[in-house]
Amino acid sequence: MNIMKKREEMQVNVAGLRRNIKNIAHNYSDAQVKVREATSNDQWGPSSTLMAEIADLTYNVVAFSEIMAILWKRLNDHGRNWRHVHKALILLEYLIKTGSEKVAQQCKENRFAIKTLETFQHIEDNKDKGQRVRDTAIQLVALLDDDERLKTERARAIKAKERSAQKISSFGSDGNTTPQSPKYPLFNLLMVLLGLVIKTLTT
């Protein structure tokens, strides 16, 4: 069990390292970095804390455009990157309910792009991973097509988000550990050094 756990931790560190190198190389903004993290190929889903931060950023005009651009790009992924698609749909639903109303508006304007994912296909290790994408796409399209339901669920979700924010401010963070946290000082140091190297090469 310990060997398996260590292997998983190494995979997480490698994936996080690769993602951070891309973030630095492409000079992604804070909003873009958060969306990329929330929709990564990591086996777990996006945290509620991270999604809430992204939802708040959608009220900023510049950040909104950056966020949606990354999400539409993720939705166009396929094959082994099915998690990009699935997590992008999950994040979109959250943003539709708790973010700027412009998110829902843009999703309605691009409804076909989401509707197409109802037939998403991908088999991995003899398992139908595409089913998760199809189910989530169907749910999201149904929500977008029902204005009354969307209004009700949005009001409920915003209240829940506000209550959650109050709890976090009262009791501190949820204690989640990521490769970017203080518990990984060597990882953080490596990222700083990589950033300096890349900036030197590109100037």
Foldseek 3Di string as FASTA:
>chain_A
DVVVVVVLVVVQLVQVLVLLLVCLLVVPDPLLSLLCVQQDLRPDHRDPVSLLVNQAQCVPPVSVVSNVVLLLVLCPDAESSVSSNLNSLVSLVLSCQAHDVVSLVVCVVVVVSLVVLLPHFYADPNDTPSVSSNVSSVVSSVLSVDPVNSVVSSVVSNVVSVVVVVVCVVPPDPPDDHCCDPVNVVSVVVSVVSSVVSVVVVD
